[in-house]
């Protein structure tokens, strides 16, 4: 099963990501998928057999959230034929984006905003409207976990906002330039496509987005934003269980989750 379709309480991870984009007024949703992930496209489509079976029953209410998502979004799909890294996946999505700035959501990172704040992508959209450059979301992580992440160094422009001067992919703790790690939320300007195309593959033949973003930062400006919220790494067992427990206790039981 594609991990993006694993449920957190009562809906799949990928739907949380799409809802976050829609709430940030990003209504044209492009998916870069691969083998074994056709179920993602099926999820954002009408299931005639299922809807016929539960029509008029008490279970019909469970279709409400996905119907609402389908009504608000315009969905398109392309496939990455080989898993060659995040940079390559984003380059594969160029055909869906064109010459426009765009947001990136990695669905296995579930982000819940702090109370009283917009969701993480919406927070980043507001920053983009002011600075009109690429932005990465960052969070502080313990140094003994730093080697799992891309890590930034930067000049703090104001509280929680940094102009990036360096980026290192999965450094050893002693080589990390800070404890600010990049997580799966980005806003990118379209010139990133040409930069990625000129970025050589690194370890394991993967094209790293961090390498392209560092080039972009050196040529112009890339910002790092320490978002107001909590991120769960649902690609790990611990993170998946933590996310499920958090959403159940703080959203589902309080009636804040359809």
Protein backbone atom coordinates (compact mmCIF):
# COMPACT_ATOMS: atom_id res chain seq x y z
CA UNK A 1 0.00 0.00 0.00
CA UNK A 2 1.19 3.52 -0.77
CA UNK A 3 2.03 5.14 2.57
CA UNK A 4 0.25 8.32 1.47
CA UNK A 5 -3.07 6.46 1.58
CA UNK A 6 -2.63 5.20 5.16
CA UNK A 7 -5.39 6.65 7.35
CA UNK A 8 -4.89 9.01 10.26
CA UNK A 9 -8.05 8.24 12.26
CA UNK A 10 -10.64 8.45 9.47
CA UNK A 11 -9.00 9.75 6.29
CA UNK A 12 -5.73 9.15 4.44
CA UNK A 13 -2.59 11.20 4.82
CA UNK A 14 -2.78 12.48 1.26
CA UNK A 15 -6.21 13.98 1.90
CA UNK A 16 -4.86 15.97 4.85
CA UNK A 17 -2.20 17.36 2.50
CA UNK A 18 -4.71 18.27 -0.18
CA UNK A 19 -7.00 19.93 2.36
CA UNK A 20 -4.04 21.97 3.63
CA UNK A 21 -3.36 23.20 0.08
CA UNK A 22 -7.03 24.03 -0.54
CA UNK A 23 -7.24 25.99 2.72
CA UNK A 24 -4.22 27.99 1.50
CA UNK A 25 -6.22 28.82 -1.67
CA UNK A 26 -4.05 26.56 -3.83
CA UNK A 27 -6.82 24.86 -5.78
CA UNK A 28 -4.92 23.32 -8.70
CA UNK A 29 -3.49 20.13 -7.23
CA UNK A 30 -0.82 18.19 -9.11
CA UNK A 31 0.31 14.75 -7.97
CA UNK A 32 3.62 13.11 -8.83
CA UNK A 33 3.09 9.39 -8.27
CA UNK A 34 4.70 6.12 -9.30
CA UNK A 35 4.11 2.41 -9.51
CA UNK A 36 1.69 1.06 -6.93
CA UNK A 37 0.12 4.47 -6.24
CA UNK A 38 -2.87 4.40 -8.59
CA UNK A 39 -5.06 4.24 -5.49
CA UNK A 40 -4.24 7.92 -4.83
CA UNK A 41 -5.94 8.98 -8.05
CA UNK A 42 -8.87 6.67 -7.30
CA UNK A 43 -9.34 8.27 -3.89
CA UNK A 44 -10.03 11.66 -5.46
CA UNK A 45 -12.65 10.23 -7.79
CA UNK A 46 -16.24 9.05 -7.42
CA UNK A 47 -16.61 5.44 -6.27
CA UNK A 48 -19.96 4.59 -7.79
CA UNK A 49 -20.20 1.14 -6.19
CA UNK A 50 -19.44 2.44 -2.68
CA UNK A 51 -21.72 5.46 -2.99
CA UNK A 52 -24.57 3.29 -4.26
CA UNK A 53 -24.19 0.89 -1.34
CA UNK A 54 -24.26 3.55 1.39
CA UNK A 55 -26.63 6.05 -0.24
CA UNK A 56 -29.44 6.90 2.16
CA UNK A 57 -27.76 5.18 5.12
CA UNK A 58 -26.19 6.67 8.24
CA UNK A 59 -22.74 6.08 6.68
CA UNK A 60 -23.32 8.51 3.82
CA UNK A 61 -22.07 11.36 6.03
CA UNK A 62 -18.56 9.91 5.81
CA UNK A 63 -18.42 10.90 2.13
CA UNK A 64 -18.90 14.57 2.97
CA UNK A 65 -15.26 15.54 3.43
CA UNK A 66 -13.95 13.89 0.25
CA UNK A 67 -16.87 15.27 -1.78
CA UNK A 68 -16.02 18.74 -0.49
CA UNK A 69 -12.36 18.29 -1.48
CA UNK A 70 -13.34 17.08 -4.95
CA UNK A 71 -15.64 20.07 -5.45
CA UNK A 72 -12.94 22.60 -4.52
CA UNK A 73 -9.90 21.14 -6.26
CA UNK A 74 -8.75 20.57 -9.82
CA UNK A 75 -6.61 17.44 -9.89
CA UNK A 76 -3.93 16.33 -12.34
CA UNK A 77 -1.44 13.47 -12.19
CA UNK A 78 1.90 12.51 -13.64
CA UNK A 79 4.19 9.60 -12.87
CA UNK A 80 7.84 9.50 -11.89
CA UNK A 81 9.11 6.39 -13.71
CA UNK A 82 12.11 5.96 -11.43
CA UNK A 83 12.63 7.01 -7.83
CA UNK A 84 15.53 9.42 -8.33
CA UNK A 85 15.02 11.75 -5.40
CA UNK A 86 12.79 14.66 -4.46
CA UNK A 87 14.46 17.03 -6.91
CA UNK A 88 13.73 14.67 -9.79
CA UNK A 89 10.13 14.20 -8.61
CA UNK A 90 9.57 17.97 -8.64
CA UNK A 91 11.16 18.26 -12.09
CA UNK A 92 8.77 15.53 -13.27
CA UNK A 93 5.91 17.76 -12.10
CA UNK A 94 6.99 20.64 -14.35
CA UNK A 95 4.48 19.57 -16.99
CA UNK A 96 1.69 20.18 -14.46
CA UNK A 97 3.01 23.51 -13.18
CA UNK A 98 4.32 25.53 -16.08
CA UNK A 99 5.86 28.92 -15.35
CA UNK A 100 4.14 29.56 -12.03
CA UNK A 101 5.20 29.56 -8.36
CA UNK A 102 3.88 26.51 -6.55
CA UNK A 103 3.62 24.84 -3.19
CA UNK A 104 4.95 21.37 -2.36
CA UNK A 105 3.40 19.09 0.24
CA UNK A 106 5.08 15.78 1.13
CA UNK A 107 2.07 13.86 2.36
CA UNK A 108 3.95 11.68 4.85
CA UNK A 109 4.70 14.84 6.85
CA UNK A 110 1.46 15.66 8.67
CA UNK A 111 1.51 19.25 9.93
CA UNK A 112 -0.97 20.58 12.49
CA UNK A 113 -0.93 24.36 13.06
CA UNK A 114 -0.75 25.92 16.50
CA UNK A 115 -4.08 27.09 17.85
CA UNK A 116 -5.11 30.42 16.37
CA UNK A 117 -2.85 30.12 13.31
CA UNK A 118 -3.46 29.22 9.68
CA UNK A 119 -2.14 25.91 8.44
CA UNK A 120 1.55 25.68 7.62
CA UNK A 121 1.23 26.11 3.85
CA UNK A 122 -1.08 29.11 4.32
CA UNK A 123 1.49 30.67 6.68
CA UNK A 124 4.11 30.25 3.95
CA UNK A 125 1.85 31.72 1.27
CA UNK A 126 1.61 34.92 3.29
CA UNK A 127 5.40 35.12 3.48
CA UNK A 128 5.67 34.46 -0.26
CA UNK A 129 3.30 37.33 -1.00
CA UNK A 130 5.74 39.63 0.81
CA UNK A 131 9.09 38.34 -0.49
CA UNK A 132 8.28 36.55 -3.80
CA UNK A 133 11.02 33.94 -3.48
CA UNK A 134 11.35 30.25 -2.66
CA UNK A 135 10.61 29.29 0.96
CA UNK A 136 11.29 26.10 2.92
CA UNK A 137 9.64 25.15 6.19
CA UNK A 138 12.05 24.33 9.02
CA UNK A 139 11.84 23.10 12.58
CA UNK A 140 14.30 22.59 15.39
CA UNK A 141 15.33 18.96 15.85
CA UNK A 142 17.62 17.24 18.38
CA UNK A 143 21.20 16.96 17.16
CA UNK A 144 21.12 13.17 17.49
CA UNK A 145 18.41 13.13 14.77
CA UNK A 146 19.90 15.79 12.51
CA UNK A 147 21.41 13.31 10.05
CA UNK A 148 17.88 12.38 8.88
CA UNK A 149 17.26 15.84 7.40
CA UNK A 150 18.41 18.59 5.13
CA UNK A 151 19.75 21.34 7.41
CA UNK A 152 20.05 25.09 6.82
CA UNK A 153 22.30 27.88 7.94
CA UNK A 154 21.04 31.40 7.59
CA UNK A 155 20.83 35.00 8.70
CA UNK A 156 17.77 35.66 10.85
CA UNK A 157 15.81 38.50 9.24
CA UNK A 158 13.16 38.52 11.95
CA UNK A 159 11.88 36.02 14.49
CA UNK A 160 11.52 32.64 12.81
CA UNK A 161 12.50 33.81 9.30
CA UNK A 162 15.97 33.22 7.87
CA UNK A 163 17.75 34.07 4.65
CA UNK A 164 19.56 30.85 3.76
CA UNK A 165 23.33 30.96 3.33
CA UNK A 166 24.01 27.21 3.31
CA UNK A 167 22.17 23.89 3.13
CA UNK A 168 23.52 20.43 3.89
CA UNK A 169 21.73 17.17 3.13
CA UNK A 170 21.76 14.67 6.04
CA UNK A 171 24.94 15.88 7.77
CA UNK A 172 26.65 14.17 10.67
CA UNK A 173 25.92 16.07 13.91
CA UNK A 174 29.41 17.55 14.02
CA UNK A 175 29.02 18.86 10.46
CA UNK A 176 25.52 20.31 10.80
CA UNK A 177 25.43 24.10 10.39
CA UNK A 178 22.45 24.43 12.76
CA UNK A 179 19.62 22.39 14.29
CA UNK A 180 17.07 23.81 11.82
CA UNK A 181 15.87 20.94 9.65
CA UNK A 182 13.81 21.16 6.47
CA UNK A 183 10.45 19.35 6.53
CA UNK A 184 8.01 18.53 3.77
CA UNK A 185 6.54 21.96 2.97
CA UNK A 186 7.96 24.26 0.30
CA UNK A 187 6.96 27.16 -1.88
CA UNK A 188 9.12 27.27 -5.00
CA UNK A 189 9.53 29.75 -7.83
CA UNK A 190 9.50 28.24 -11.35
CA UNK A 191 13.17 28.93 -12.07
CA UNK A 192 13.86 25.98 -9.77
CA UNK A 193 13.05 23.65 -12.68
CA UNK A 194 16.03 24.79 -14.76
CA UNK A 195 18.26 24.68 -11.69
CA UNK A 196 17.19 21.10 -10.90
CA UNK A 197 17.77 20.09 -14.53
CA UNK A 198 21.38 21.32 -14.20
CA UNK A 199 21.92 19.73 -10.77
CA UNK A 200 24.00 16.53 -10.91
CA UNK A 201 22.76 13.42 -9.16
CA UNK A 202 24.32 12.73 -5.79
CA UNK A 203 24.34 9.71 -3.51
CA UNK A 204 22.39 6.70 -4.83
CA UNK A 205 21.84 8.51 -8.12
CA UNK A 206 19.27 10.84 -6.53
CA UNK A 207 18.83 14.49 -7.48
CA UNK A 208 18.59 16.37 -4.19
CA UNK A 209 16.26 19.33 -3.96
CA UNK A 210 18.52 20.83 -1.28
CA UNK A 211 21.38 21.03 -3.82
CA UNK A 212 19.16 22.94 -6.25
CA UNK A 213 17.83 25.21 -3.51
CA UNK A 214 21.37 26.04 -2.38
CA UNK A 215 22.19 27.10 -5.95
CA UNK A 216 19.02 29.19 -6.02
CA UNK A 217 19.96 30.77 -2.68
CA UNK A 218 23.44 31.65 -3.98
CA UNK A 219 21.99 33.18 -7.15
CA UNK A 220 19.23 35.10 -5.42
CA UNK A 221 17.25 34.40 -2.27
CA UNK A 222 15.70 31.41 -0.51
CA UNK A 223 14.04 31.84 2.88
CA UNK A 224 13.58 29.36 5.71
CA UNK A 225 10.50 29.73 7.89
CA UNK A 226 10.17 28.21 11.35
CA UNK A 227 6.47 27.48 11.15
CA UNK A 228 3.94 27.70 13.96
CA UNK A 229 2.72 24.17 14.37
CA UNK A 230 3.59 20.53 15.01
CA UNK A 231 4.93 18.11 12.42
CA UNK A 232 4.61 14.34 12.53
CA UNK A 233 6.86 12.08 10.44
CA UNK A 234 4.28 9.54 9.33
CA UNK A 235 6.88 7.72 7.27
CA UNK A 236 8.07 6.20 10.55
CA UNK A 237 6.10 3.89 12.85
CA UNK A 238 6.61 6.15 15.87
CA UNK A 239 5.54 9.27 14.00
CA UNK A 240 2.51 7.56 12.48
CA UNK A 241 1.27 6.37 15.87
CA UNK A 242 1.95 9.79 17.45
CA UNK A 243 0.00 11.51 14.66
CA UNK A 244 -2.94 9.14 15.04
CA UNK A 245 -3.09 9.65 18.81
CA UNK A 246 -2.77 13.43 18.48
CA UNK A 247 -5.46 13.79 15.83
CA UNK A 248 -7.81 11.47 17.71
CA UNK A 249 -7.43 13.26 21.06
CA UNK A 250 -7.21 16.87 19.83
CA UNK A 251 -9.39 16.91 16.72
CA UNK A 252 -11.63 13.88 16.33
CA UNK A 253 -12.91 13.63 19.91
CA UNK A 254 -13.60 17.38 19.94
CA UNK A 255 -15.67 17.18 16.76
CA UNK A 256 -13.14 19.17 14.73
CA UNK A 257 -12.53 16.40 12.21
CA UNK A 258 -15.07 15.10 9.72
